Structures are given as C-alpha cells and as structure tokens.
Amino acid sequence: MPLGLITGIGRAMRRKRTSSLDILSSKRAPRTYYKGKNCKPTGFHTRKGGYVVVPEKLPNYVVPDLTDFKLKPYVSQCPTEVKTTEASELAK
C-alpha cells in the first residue's frame, strides 16, 4: 500500500506545470477579465461610469479627391482577358 501512495505522489510531481508565459485568454483569467479585439482605446472611462472620447486617439483617414479618376471602385472576382496595344508593345 505505501508503494501506491509513493507512485501517486510521483505522478503528481510529474504533471505539466502551466507556464506563466502562456497566452492569457478570457478562460484562464478571472471572471472580470476582458481581452478585447486588439484595438487601441479611443478614450477613457470616468469614475461615474461614463466614457470620454479623445479626438486625438480617433483614426484619421486621408482620402484623396477621386472625381476624375479613371479606374472603377469595383474589382471583379472573375476578370476577363483584355488585350490592349500597350500590353503587346511591352512584351516585345
């Protein structure tokens, strides 16, 4: 009987220990932990439960003027074969 107790203790010591460097997920963390979606915060929470948006933290997209742009905004998933004179001149 003492041999079984010793082997049981040995098995417990050989168990794989979880590393502190493992990826922390919401299932391994406390109940109040929220991991998020890898986004930058756009503001901060107030003491009374509000949220203040900081304009400097909002993304600013700079879009050029495309009024006389030749290409269309839609790209087909099934392109057709178009032969132009420019493409044939470059191949020569």
Protein backbone atom coordinates (compact mmCIF):
# COMPACT_ATOMS: atom_id res chain seq x y z
CA MET A 1 0.00 0.00 0.00
CA PRO A 2 2.74 2.55 0.72
CA LEU A 3 4.17 1.86 -2.75
CA GLY A 4 0.91 3.02 -4.38
CA LEU A 5 0.99 6.17 -2.30
CA ILE A 6 4.55 6.91 -3.38
CA THR A 7 3.79 6.36 -7.07
CA GLY A 8 0.75 8.62 -6.78
CA ILE A 9 2.90 11.40 -5.33
CA GLY A 10 5.45 10.85 -8.10
CA ARG A 11 2.76 11.19 -10.77
CA ALA A 12 1.52 14.40 -9.20
CA MET A 13 5.03 15.85 -9.29
CA ARG A 14 5.46 14.93 -12.99
CA ARG A 15 2.37 16.81 -14.13
CA LYS A 16 2.97 19.54 -16.65
CA ARG A 17 3.01 22.87 -14.89
CA THR A 18 1.37 25.77 -16.67
CA SER A 19 3.88 28.37 -17.68
CA SER A 20 3.42 31.97 -16.71
CA LEU A 21 4.37 32.85 -20.30
CA ASP A 22 1.31 31.13 -21.79
CA ILE A 23 -1.17 33.21 -23.74
CA LEU A 24 -3.66 34.75 -21.36
CA SER A 25 -7.20 34.16 -22.55
CA SER A 26 -10.53 35.04 -21.02
CA LYS A 27 -10.95 31.39 -19.99
CA ARG A 28 -7.70 31.31 -17.97
CA ALA A 29 -8.19 34.72 -16.36
CA PRO A 30 -10.59 35.93 -13.64
CA ARG A 31 -14.28 36.39 -14.43
CA THR A 32 -13.95 40.15 -14.83
CA TYR A 33 -11.13 39.93 -17.39
CA TYR A 34 -11.97 41.13 -20.92
CA LYS A 35 -9.27 40.63 -23.51
CA GLY A 36 -10.72 42.73 -26.31
CA LYS A 37 -10.02 42.54 -30.02
CA ASN A 38 -6.52 44.06 -30.19
CA CYS A 39 -7.84 47.58 -30.74
CA LYS A 40 -6.45 50.81 -29.39
CA PRO A 41 -8.69 52.66 -26.92
CA THR A 42 -10.26 55.86 -28.25
CA GLY A 43 -10.79 57.44 -24.86
CA PHE A 44 -11.08 56.67 -21.14
CA HIS A 45 -13.69 55.69 -18.56
CA THR A 46 -14.82 58.19 -15.94
CA ARG A 47 -15.42 57.46 -12.25
CA LYS A 48 -19.19 57.66 -12.71
CA GLY A 49 -19.33 55.08 -15.48
CA GLY A 50 -19.16 57.39 -18.47
CA TYR A 51 -16.76 57.31 -21.38
CA VAL A 52 -14.86 60.30 -22.76
CA VAL A 53 -13.72 60.10 -26.39
CA VAL A 54 -10.37 61.81 -27.05
CA PRO A 55 -10.30 63.25 -30.62
CA GLU A 56 -6.52 62.76 -30.89
CA LYS A 57 -6.98 59.00 -30.46
CA LEU A 58 -9.60 58.62 -33.21
CA PRO A 59 -8.36 57.30 -36.56
CA ASN A 60 -7.99 59.98 -39.23
CA TYR A 61 -8.33 58.69 -42.79
CA VAL A 62 -6.95 60.95 -45.52
CA VAL A 63 -8.73 60.22 -48.82
CA PRO A 64 -7.61 61.98 -51.99
CA ASP A 65 -10.07 63.59 -54.40
CA LEU A 66 -11.16 60.89 -56.87
CA THR A 67 -13.53 62.87 -59.11
CA ASP A 68 -11.58 62.41 -62.39
CA PHE A 69 -10.12 59.01 -61.53
CA LYS A 70 -10.16 56.53 -64.45
CA LEU A 71 -10.44 53.25 -62.52
CA LYS A 72 -13.70 51.93 -61.09
CA PRO A 73 -14.05 51.21 -57.36
CA TYR A 74 -15.30 47.66 -58.00
CA VAL A 75 -12.90 44.85 -58.84
CA SER A 76 -14.50 41.75 -60.31
CA GLN A 77 -13.65 38.35 -58.88
CA CYS A 78 -13.90 36.86 -62.39
CA PRO A 79 -11.69 39.08 -64.56
CA THR A 80 -11.92 38.70 -68.31
CA GLU A 81 -8.90 38.57 -70.60
CA VAL A 82 -8.42 42.01 -72.15
CA LYS A 83 -5.74 42.53 -74.77
CA THR A 84 -4.52 46.07 -75.27
CA THR A 85 -1.90 47.53 -77.56
CA GLU A 86 0.16 48.74 -74.60
CA ALA A 87 0.50 45.21 -73.18
CA SER A 88 1.55 43.80 -76.55
CA GLU A 89 4.17 46.53 -77.03
CA LEU A 90 5.70 45.83 -73.61
CA ALA A 91 6.02 42.10 -74.40
CA LYS A 92 8.19 42.82 -77.47
